[in-house]
Amino acid sequence: MIVPRLIERKRDGGRLEPGEWHELIQSYATNGIPDYQISALLMAIFFRGLDREEMNAVTDAMIDSGARLDLSHLTIPRLDKHSTGGVGDKVSLILAPLIASLGAAVPMMSGRGLGHTGGTLDKLEAIPGFRTDLTLDAARKQIDRIGCALIGQTNEIAPADRKIYALRDATATVEIVPLIAASIMSKKLAEGLTGLVLDVKEGSGAFLPAAERGITLAKAMIQLGEDRGCPVVALVTAMDRPLGRACGNAIEVKESIDALRGNGPDDLMEVTFALAAEMLLLGKIASSHEDAWRQMRGAISSGKALDKFRQIVEAQGGDPRIIDDQSILPAAQLTEKFVAPRDGFVREVTPRTIGYGIIEIRGGRRTMEDTIDPGVGFVIDVKPGDPVRRGDLLATIHARDEAGIAAGRKVLKEAIPIGDEAGTCLPLVSRRITSAGVAPWMKPAV
């Protein structure tokens, strides 16, 4: 294999064969090819793209670079969900125990915060003692026992993807839709799933703000799943404002526990139920969307879903007392209310500004080496379009010191402008995407 010839072919608009992709990626994963050659290839892909066969070949090569989570012995559905990321998006913390409590296996592999978006692993690790670094063997045993494991990408699964992603991040080639799809699906398919649901965000706070880009990505992932016998459904959901009220690791855990008790914010519960219903349908646990919503409401009202979350926390080394005593969770040293400076309407609540604001007050990472403060963040009490009077509560700042409070004030002043006209919102869930195409999403009449 002469790597420069392969780069040249892709640069000039040609294609690489599956065997060539496999050899390239395996060699790079084992340090047989230098970064600079793969960097050149990535830039060629950025401009020339990948066709469906190439995208499949890259995905298979990434999967084959590591181990798989073998759950084939289970007789119950094996289901997972992936989100393209947002602010205040704690859906996974609610959805995983909810679905597991209804009889599915949920091997949920999640990531850390990226850019302005929060990360499920960082939220879980706000729980004292909670471990997300389970080996595949430990995760398999836990799923056998309680039906769910919430883990990070281990060194065992798709190591080639980890290397290539880091290089994409360093060479301004992250936004290559076929490679985003291959990266996500290589990890999800390595879990041995029988169904996958995608939460594709649209709006100013989304990783891919334009809905068309998100839909293109969803279609690519649906194709990859279809080609491997794993049905995939995607929903397009709003990220033009934070989801729920809490934005920050420990306070999002608190809101998730409230949601599992039946006291979650309406917008958070609608998005969670919409995604979870698709999982129940893929797993043939529910016969219709209406049936799925009824089952989920029952699991929450009976306490089954909350009990499952308690089991997961305890199994992964966390302190299960947080379920009943949330004061055990990390908390900010200081809080301050942020109020409306005038009468008017909330024009917008900008998720990207709030997400970067959490990083500014040390609730996220500027670099991978940064230590985050899990107790800091914002609790947002308004949505775009809400009428307010001067002095009304807009949000609460949770910070470690006075400098964090001052930074939080500046962030919220920019993120929540008050004007004479009401702002508008995207629909919480707008479209449903399957292998058959794109259709409007309809909320079940339950």
Protein backbone atom coordinates (compact mmCIF):
# COMPACT_ATOMS: atom_id res chain seq x y z
CA MET A 1 0.00 0.00 0.00
CA ILE A 2 1.47 3.32 -1.15
CA VAL A 3 -0.39 5.91 0.91
CA PRO A 4 0.45 8.99 -1.23
CA ARG A 5 -1.15 7.30 -4.26
CA LEU A 6 -4.36 6.74 -2.25
CA ILE A 7 -4.37 10.37 -1.10
CA GLU A 8 -3.82 11.48 -4.68
CA ARG A 9 -6.70 9.37 -5.95
CA LYS A 10 -9.13 10.76 -3.38
CA ARG A 11 -7.83 14.30 -3.93
CA ASP A 12 -8.62 13.98 -7.63
CA GLY A 13 -12.18 12.79 -7.03
CA GLY A 14 -11.62 9.05 -7.18
CA ARG A 15 -12.68 6.40 -4.69
CA LEU A 16 -10.89 3.88 -2.51
CA GLU A 17 -11.90 0.23 -2.40
CA PRO A 18 -13.12 -1.43 0.84
CA GLY A 19 -9.88 -3.40 1.22
CA GLU A 20 -7.83 -0.22 0.88
CA TRP A 21 -9.87 1.56 3.55
CA HIS A 22 -9.52 -1.43 5.85
CA GLU A 23 -5.74 -1.60 5.44
CA LEU A 24 -5.35 2.17 5.84
CA ILE A 25 -7.39 2.40 9.03
CA GLN A 26 -5.94 -0.72 10.64
CA SER A 27 -2.43 0.49 9.89
CA TYR A 28 -3.14 3.96 11.31
CA ALA A 29 -4.70 2.46 14.47
CA THR A 30 -1.47 0.52 15.08
CA ASN A 31 0.80 3.52 14.32
CA GLY A 32 1.86 2.20 10.94
CA ILE A 33 0.93 5.43 9.12
CA PRO A 34 1.96 8.92 10.30
CA ASP A 35 -0.55 11.61 11.25
CA TYR A 36 0.47 13.89 8.41
CA GLN A 37 -0.59 11.39 5.74
CA ILE A 38 -4.00 10.76 7.34
CA SER A 39 -4.37 14.54 7.74
CA ALA A 40 -3.87 14.97 4.01
CA LEU A 41 -6.40 12.22 3.31
CA LEU A 42 -8.93 13.84 5.66
CA MET A 43 -8.64 17.14 3.82
CA ALA A 44 -9.15 15.34 0.51
CA ILE A 45 -12.30 13.70 1.96
CA PHE A 46 -13.46 17.10 3.24
CA PHE A 47 -13.56 18.40 -0.34
CA ARG A 48 -14.39 15.20 -2.26
CA GLY A 49 -16.63 13.28 0.17
CA LEU A 50 -17.27 9.53 0.44
CA ASP A 51 -19.84 7.46 -1.40
CA ARG A 52 -22.07 4.95 0.38
CA GLU A 53 -19.75 1.98 -0.16
CA GLU A 54 -16.77 3.97 1.12
CA MET A 55 -18.70 5.16 4.18
CA ASN A 56 -19.61 1.53 4.90
CA ALA A 57 -16.01 0.43 4.47
CA VAL A 58 -14.70 3.12 6.84
CA THR A 59 -17.34 2.18 9.45
CA ASP A 60 -16.49 -1.53 9.23
CA ALA A 61 -12.77 -0.82 9.49
CA MET A 62 -13.29 1.32 12.59
CA ILE A 63 -15.41 -1.41 14.21
CA ASP A 64 -12.82 -4.06 13.31
CA SER A 65 -10.02 -2.01 14.89
CA GLY A 66 -11.29 -3.02 18.34
CA ALA A 67 -13.55 -5.34 20.32
CA ARG A 68 -17.33 -5.56 20.39
CA LEU A 69 -19.82 -5.69 23.24
CA ASP A 70 -21.32 -9.14 22.66
CA LEU A 71 -24.90 -9.22 23.95
CA SER A 72 -26.17 -11.76 21.44
CA HIS A 73 -27.08 -14.18 24.25
CA LEU A 74 -29.84 -11.82 25.44
CA THR A 75 -33.40 -12.57 24.36
CA ILE A 76 -34.62 -9.00 24.99
CA PRO A 77 -34.18 -6.01 22.63
CA ARG A 78 -30.84 -4.17 22.78
CA LEU A 79 -31.53 -0.46 22.30
CA ASP A 80 -29.62 2.81 22.49
CA LYS A 81 -30.02 6.51 21.71
CA HIS A 82 -27.54 9.04 20.32
CA SER A 83 -27.88 12.83 20.44
CA THR A 84 -25.97 15.28 18.28
CA GLY A 85 -25.57 17.40 21.41
CA GLY A 86 -27.07 20.42 23.09
CA VAL A 87 -27.31 22.56 26.21
CA GLY A 88 -29.39 21.32 29.13
CA ASP A 89 -29.82 18.01 27.29
CA LYS A 90 -29.98 15.49 30.12
CA VAL A 91 -32.33 13.16 28.21
CA SER A 92 -30.00 10.14 28.45
CA LEU A 93 -30.06 10.19 32.26
CA ILE A 94 -33.84 9.81 32.20
CA LEU A 95 -34.30 7.71 29.08
CA ALA A 96 -31.81 4.91 29.87
CA PRO A 97 -33.33 3.80 33.19
CA LEU A 98 -36.84 4.37 31.84
CA ILE A 99 -36.32 2.05 28.86
CA ALA A 100 -34.47 -0.54 30.96
CA SER A 101 -37.32 -0.55 33.48
CA LEU A 102 -39.68 -1.52 30.65
CA GLY A 103 -37.75 -4.65 29.68
CA ALA A 104 -35.03 -3.66 27.19
CA ALA A 105 -31.26 -3.90 27.49
CA VAL A 106 -29.67 -0.46 27.21
CA PRO A 107 -25.88 -0.49 26.58
CA MET A 108 -25.54 3.30 26.45
CA MET A 109 -22.13 4.59 25.41
CA SER A 110 -21.83 8.36 25.80
CA GLY A 111 -19.30 11.15 25.48
CA ARG A 112 -17.99 14.20 27.30
CA GLY A 113 -18.74 17.84 26.62
CA LEU A 114 -17.66 19.02 23.19
CA GLY A 115 -17.45 22.73 22.39
CA HIS A 116 -20.48 24.45 23.91
CA THR A 117 -22.46 21.21 24.32
CA GLY A 118 -22.65 19.26 27.56
CA GLY A 119 -21.56 15.64 27.96
CA THR A 120 -23.47 12.78 29.57
CA LEU A 121 -20.31 11.34 31.14
CA ASP A 122 -19.51 14.63 32.89
CA LYS A 123 -23.06 14.72 34.29
CA LEU A 124 -22.90 11.15 35.55
CA GLU A 125 -19.49 11.75 37.14
CA ALA A 126 -21.02 14.59 39.17
CA ILE A 127 -22.56 11.74 41.21
CA PRO A 128 -20.05 10.95 43.98
CA GLY A 129 -18.21 7.71 43.17
CA PHE A 130 -19.94 7.06 39.84
CA ARG A 131 -17.62 5.25 37.39
CA THR A 132 -18.12 5.47 33.64
CA ASP A 133 -14.85 3.69 32.73
CA LEU A 134 -16.22 0.15 32.80
CA THR A 135 -14.54 -2.52 30.73
CA LEU A 136 -16.67 -4.29 28.16
CA ASP A 137 -16.72 -7.39 30.35
CA ALA A 138 -17.92 -5.39 33.36
CA ALA A 139 -20.54 -3.63 31.23
CA ARG A 140 -21.77 -6.95 29.84
CA LYS A 141 -22.15 -8.44 33.33
CA GLN A 142 -23.99 -5.34 34.57
CA ILE A 143 -26.39 -5.42 31.61
CA ASP A 144 -27.04 -9.12 32.26
CA ARG A 145 -27.85 -8.27 35.87
CA ILE A 146 -29.85 -5.02 35.71
CA GLY A 147 -30.41 -4.32 31.99
CA CYS A 148 -28.38 -1.13 31.63
CA ALA A 149 -24.85 0.28 31.73
CA LEU A 150 -23.90 3.94 31.19
CA ILE A 151 -20.31 3.99 29.98
CA GLY A 152 -17.75 5.97 28.02
CA GLN A 153 -15.91 4.79 24.93
CA THR A 154 -13.41 2.26 26.25
CA ASN A 155 -9.97 1.60 24.80
CA GLU A 156 -11.47 -1.64 23.51
CA ILE A 157 -14.13 -0.20 21.17
CA ALA A 158 -13.20 1.45 17.85
CA PRO A 159 -9.73 2.75 18.82
CA ALA A 160 -9.19 3.88 15.22
CA ASP A 161 -12.17 6.21 15.53
CA ARG A 162 -10.68 7.82 18.63
CA LYS A 163 -7.40 8.54 16.83
CA ILE A 164 -9.04 9.78 13.66
CA TYR A 165 -11.49 12.00 15.57
CA ALA A 166 -8.66 13.68 17.47
CA LEU A 167 -6.91 14.34 14.15
CA ARG A 168 -10.10 15.73 12.59
CA ASP A 169 -10.47 18.05 15.57
CA ALA A 170 -6.90 19.32 15.09
CA THR A 171 -7.11 19.76 11.30
CA ALA A 172 -10.48 21.57 10.88
CA THR A 173 -12.05 18.51 9.23
CA VAL A 174 -14.66 17.60 11.88
CA GLU A 175 -17.68 18.55 9.76
CA ILE A 176 -17.44 15.77 7.18
CA VAL A 177 -20.91 14.21 7.33
CA PRO A 178 -19.91 10.68 6.15
CA LEU A 179 -17.10 10.59 8.73
CA ILE A 180 -19.36 11.92 11.49
CA ALA A 181 -21.80 9.14 10.61
CA ALA A 182 -19.05 6.50 10.51
CA SER A 183 -17.62 7.71 13.81
CA ILE A 184 -20.95 7.56 15.65
CA MET A 185 -22.16 4.34 14.08
CA SER A 186 -18.88 2.45 14.53
CA LYS A 187 -19.30 2.82 18.30
CA LYS A 188 -23.05 2.14 18.33
CA LEU A 189 -22.85 -0.90 16.04
CA ALA A 190 -20.03 -2.30 18.18
CA GLU A 191 -22.61 -2.47 21.01
CA GLY A 192 -24.50 -5.19 19.16
CA LEU A 193 -27.76 -3.23 19.03
CA THR A 194 -31.09 -4.38 17.63
CA GLY A 195 -32.33 -0.79 17.34
CA LEU A 196 -31.01 2.78 17.57
CA VAL A 197 -32.77 6.14 17.89
CA LEU A 198 -31.07 9.40 16.89
CA ASP A 199 -31.82 12.80 18.40
CA VAL A 200 -30.83 15.26 15.68
CA LYS A 201 -30.73 18.81 17.03
CA GLU A 202 -31.62 21.87 14.96
CA GLY A 203 -31.36 25.55 15.86
CA SER A 204 -28.73 28.02 16.99
CA GLY A 205 -27.38 25.76 19.75
CA ALA A 206 -27.02 22.62 17.64
CA PHE A 207 -23.68 21.18 16.54
CA LEU A 208 -25.05 21.41 12.98
CA PRO A 209 -27.47 24.37 13.29
CA ALA A 210 -29.04 23.99 9.84
CA ALA A 211 -31.76 21.34 9.87
CA GLU A 212 -30.80 20.18 6.36
CA ARG A 213 -27.29 19.20 7.50
CA GLY A 214 -28.70 17.30 10.45
CA ILE A 215 -31.16 15.46 8.22
CA THR A 216 -28.36 14.54 5.81
CA LEU A 217 -26.38 13.15 8.75
CA ALA A 218 -29.39 11.21 10.03
CA LYS A 219 -30.00 9.66 6.60
CA ALA A 220 -26.35 8.57 6.44
CA MET A 221 -26.57 6.87 9.84
CA ILE A 222 -29.88 5.25 8.95
CA GLN A 223 -28.22 3.81 5.83
CA LEU A 224 -25.31 2.44 7.86
CA GLY A 225 -27.68 0.77 10.31
CA GLU A 226 -29.89 -0.59 7.54
CA ASP A 227 -26.90 -2.11 5.74
CA ARG A 228 -26.04 -4.02 8.95
CA GLY A 229 -29.51 -5.12 10.02
CA CYS A 230 -29.88 -2.54 12.80
CA PRO A 231 -33.01 -0.40 12.24
CA VAL A 232 -32.47 3.30 12.98
CA VAL A 233 -35.06 6.05 13.49
CA ALA A 234 -34.23 9.74 13.91
CA LEU A 235 -36.21 12.64 15.35
CA VAL A 236 -35.37 16.28 14.68
CA THR A 237 -35.62 18.20 17.97
CA ALA A 238 -35.17 21.86 18.90
CA MET A 239 -31.95 23.34 20.26
CA ASP A 240 -32.73 27.04 19.79
CA ARG A 241 -33.08 27.26 23.59
CA PRO A 242 -31.81 25.02 26.42
CA LEU A 243 -33.78 21.87 27.16
CA GLY A 244 -35.39 21.92 30.59
CA ARG A 245 -34.28 24.45 33.20
CA ALA A 246 -30.94 23.15 34.55
CA CYS A 247 -27.70 23.76 32.62
CA GLY A 248 -24.65 22.36 34.40
CA ASN A 249 -23.58 18.90 35.51
CA ALA A 250 -24.82 18.36 39.08
CA ILE A 251 -27.91 20.53 38.69
CA GLU A 252 -28.85 18.53 35.57
CA VAL A 253 -28.57 15.33 37.62
CA LYS A 254 -30.98 16.88 40.15
CA GLU A 255 -33.43 17.77 37.37
CA SER A 256 -33.16 14.24 35.96
CA ILE A 257 -34.06 12.72 39.33
CA ASP A 258 -37.00 15.12 39.57
CA ALA A 259 -38.07 13.99 36.08
CA LEU A 260 -37.92 10.32 37.11
CA ARG A 261 -40.13 11.23 40.08
CA GLY A 262 -42.68 12.69 37.65
CA ASN A 263 -41.77 16.35 38.20
CA GLY A 264 -39.72 17.08 35.08
CA PRO A 265 -40.19 20.22 32.97
CA ASP A 266 -42.74 19.75 30.19
CA ASP A 267 -40.29 20.36 27.33
CA LEU A 268 -37.74 17.90 28.71
CA MET A 269 -40.38 15.21 29.18
CA GLU A 270 -41.86 15.68 25.71
CA VAL A 271 -38.49 15.22 24.00
CA THR A 272 -37.55 12.29 26.27
CA PHE A 273 -40.88 10.51 25.70
CA ALA A 274 -40.74 11.12 21.95
CA LEU A 275 -37.31 9.50 21.66
CA ALA A 276 -38.02 6.72 24.15
CA ALA A 277 -41.26 5.82 22.35
CA GLU A 278 -39.30 5.17 19.16
CA MET A 279 -37.00 2.86 21.11
CA LEU A 280 -39.95 0.93 22.53
CA LEU A 281 -41.41 0.56 19.04
CA LEU A 282 -38.11 -0.65 17.58
CA GLY A 283 -37.88 -3.18 20.40
CA LYS A 284 -41.50 -4.29 19.89
CA ILE A 285 -42.14 -3.51 23.56
CA ALA A 286 -44.92 -1.10 22.55
CA SER A 287 -47.50 -1.59 19.81
CA SER A 288 -48.01 2.12 19.05
CA HIS A 289 -46.77 5.55 20.06
CA GLU A 290 -49.82 5.91 22.30
CA ASP A 291 -49.07 2.58 23.99
CA ALA A 292 -45.43 3.62 24.48
CA TRP A 293 -46.38 6.90 26.17
CA ARG A 294 -48.82 5.09 28.46
CA GLN A 295 -46.16 2.55 29.46
CA MET A 296 -43.60 5.27 30.17
CA ARG A 297 -45.98 7.31 32.29
CA GLY A 298 -46.77 4.14 34.22
CA ALA A 299 -43.09 3.35 34.79
CA ILE A 300 -42.53 6.83 36.21
CA SER A 301 -45.69 7.04 38.32
CA SER A 302 -45.05 3.57 39.82
CA GLY A 303 -41.43 4.41 40.70
CA LYS A 304 -40.01 1.63 38.46
CA ALA A 305 -37.90 4.02 36.37
CA LEU A 306 -36.45 5.78 39.44
CA ASP A 307 -35.67 2.42 41.06
CA LYS A 308 -33.79 1.40 37.91
CA PHE A 309 -31.72 4.60 38.06
CA ARG A 310 -30.90 3.79 41.70
CA GLN A 311 -29.72 0.33 40.64
CA ILE A 312 -27.49 1.80 37.90
CA VAL A 313 -25.94 4.36 40.27
CA GLU A 314 -25.18 1.70 42.87
CA ALA A 315 -23.85 -0.81 40.31
CA GLN A 316 -21.39 1.76 38.93
CA GLY A 317 -20.00 2.80 42.30
CA GLY A 318 -22.12 5.91 42.80
CA ASP A 319 -23.76 6.94 46.06
CA PRO A 320 -27.41 5.82 45.76
CA ARG A 321 -28.42 8.17 48.58
CA ILE A 322 -28.52 10.98 45.99
CA ILE A 323 -31.92 9.66 44.88
CA ASP A 324 -33.48 10.71 48.17
CA ASP A 325 -31.00 13.35 49.37
CA GLN A 326 -29.74 15.55 46.57
CA SER A 327 -27.71 17.67 48.99
CA ILE A 328 -25.06 14.94 48.63
CA LEU A 329 -24.41 16.13 45.06
CA PRO A 330 -21.73 18.77 44.49
CA ALA A 331 -23.08 22.30 44.90
CA ALA A 332 -21.79 25.75 44.02
CA GLN A 333 -20.48 27.89 46.85
CA LEU A 334 -22.46 30.92 45.67
CA THR A 335 -25.79 31.53 43.94
CA GLU A 336 -27.31 34.74 42.65
CA LYS A 337 -30.65 35.51 41.07
CA PHE A 338 -30.62 37.20 37.67
CA VAL A 339 -33.71 39.33 37.11
CA ALA A 340 -35.37 41.18 34.24
CA PRO A 341 -33.97 44.71 33.83
CA ARG A 342 -37.24 46.00 32.34
CA ASP A 343 -40.79 45.10 31.35
CA GLY A 344 -41.12 43.30 28.04
CA PHE A 345 -40.76 39.87 26.47
CA VAL A 346 -37.98 37.30 26.37
CA ARG A 347 -36.62 37.59 22.84
CA GLU A 348 -34.42 34.50 23.03
CA VAL A 349 -32.52 32.20 25.39
CA THR A 350 -29.34 31.49 23.46
CA PRO A 351 -28.05 27.97 24.19
CA ARG A 352 -24.63 28.45 22.59
CA THR A 353 -23.94 31.50 24.79
CA ILE A 354 -25.10 29.63 27.89
CA GLY A 355 -23.02 26.57 26.98
CA TYR A 356 -19.86 28.60 26.56
CA GLY A 357 -20.83 30.51 29.73
CA ILE A 358 -20.75 27.24 31.70
CA ILE A 359 -17.21 26.71 30.45
CA GLU A 360 -16.35 30.30 31.45
CA ILE A 361 -17.43 29.65 35.06
CA ARG A 362 -15.47 26.34 35.06
CA GLY A 363 -18.32 23.92 34.52
CA GLY A 364 -16.78 22.68 31.26
CA ARG A 365 -13.40 22.23 29.62
CA ARG A 366 -11.36 24.59 27.48
CA THR A 367 -8.86 21.76 27.01
CA MET A 368 -9.15 18.03 27.70
CA GLU A 369 -6.76 18.46 30.65
CA ASP A 370 -9.04 20.93 32.49
CA THR A 371 -10.73 19.87 35.73
CA ILE A 372 -14.37 20.89 35.80
CA ASP A 373 -16.43 22.07 38.76
CA PRO A 374 -19.56 19.87 38.67
CA GLY A 375 -21.58 22.19 40.93
CA VAL A 376 -21.66 25.31 38.76
CA GLY A 377 -24.10 26.30 36.03
CA PHE A 378 -27.35 28.12 35.41
CA VAL A 379 -30.99 27.39 36.15
CA ILE A 380 -33.07 29.13 33.47
CA ASP A 381 -36.65 30.02 34.44
CA VAL A 382 -37.91 31.52 31.17
CA LYS A 383 -38.40 30.53 27.53
CA PRO A 384 -38.42 32.72 24.40
CA GLY A 385 -41.71 34.61 24.15
CA ASP A 386 -42.43 34.76 27.89
CA PRO A 387 -43.74 38.14 29.14
CA VAL A 388 -41.77 39.56 32.09
CA ARG A 389 -41.94 42.52 34.44
CA ARG A 390 -38.92 44.36 35.75
CA GLY A 391 -37.46 42.37 38.66
CA ASP A 392 -38.94 39.01 37.57
CA LEU A 393 -36.61 36.04 37.97
CA LEU A 394 -35.00 35.01 34.67
CA ALA A 395 -32.31 32.64 35.92
CA THR A 396 -30.09 31.69 38.85
CA ILE A 397 -26.30 31.63 38.64
CA HIS A 398 -24.46 28.82 40.47
CA ALA A 399 -20.75 29.66 40.78
CA ARG A 400 -17.72 28.82 42.89
CA ASP A 401 -16.67 32.43 43.59
CA GLU A 402 -17.46 36.09 42.99
CA ALA A 403 -15.55 36.04 39.70
CA GLY A 404 -17.87 33.27 38.53
CA ILE A 405 -20.94 35.24 39.60
CA ALA A 406 -19.70 38.28 37.67
CA ALA A 407 -18.98 36.17 34.59
CA GLY A 408 -22.41 34.54 34.92
CA ARG A 409 -24.15 37.94 34.98
CA LYS A 410 -22.36 38.92 31.78
CA VAL A 411 -23.31 35.63 30.10
CA LEU A 412 -26.99 35.86 31.02
CA LYS A 413 -27.24 39.50 29.99
CA GLU A 414 -26.17 38.44 26.51
CA ALA A 415 -28.07 35.13 26.44
CA ILE A 416 -31.50 36.38 27.64
CA PRO A 417 -32.28 39.73 26.00
CA ILE A 418 -35.59 41.42 26.88
CA GLY A 419 -37.38 43.36 24.13
CA ASP A 420 -40.68 44.87 23.14
CA GLU A 421 -41.63 41.90 20.96
CA ALA A 422 -41.87 38.25 21.96
CA GLY A 423 -39.38 35.80 20.53
CA THR A 424 -40.47 32.56 18.88
CA CYS A 425 -39.37 28.94 19.26
CA LEU A 426 -38.89 26.00 16.96
CA PRO A 427 -41.27 23.09 17.62
CA LEU A 428 -39.78 20.78 20.25
CA VAL A 429 -39.99 17.78 17.90
CA SER A 430 -40.59 18.52 14.24
CA ARG A 431 -39.73 15.57 11.98
CA ARG A 432 -39.38 11.80 12.03
CA ILE A 433 -36.81 10.23 9.71
CA THR A 434 -36.73 6.55 8.74
CA SER A 435 -35.39 4.57 5.80
CA ALA A 436 -38.68 5.43 4.07
CA GLY A 437 -38.04 9.18 4.24
CA VAL A 438 -38.85 12.31 6.28
CA ALA A 439 -42.31 12.96 7.73
CA PRO A 440 -43.79 15.44 10.22
CA TRP A 441 -43.77 14.25 13.83
CA MET A 442 -47.14 14.10 15.54
CA LYS A 443 -47.49 14.05 19.33
CA PRO A 444 -49.59 11.07 20.47
CA ALA A 445 -53.06 11.90 21.77
CA VAL A 446 -52.63 10.48 25.28
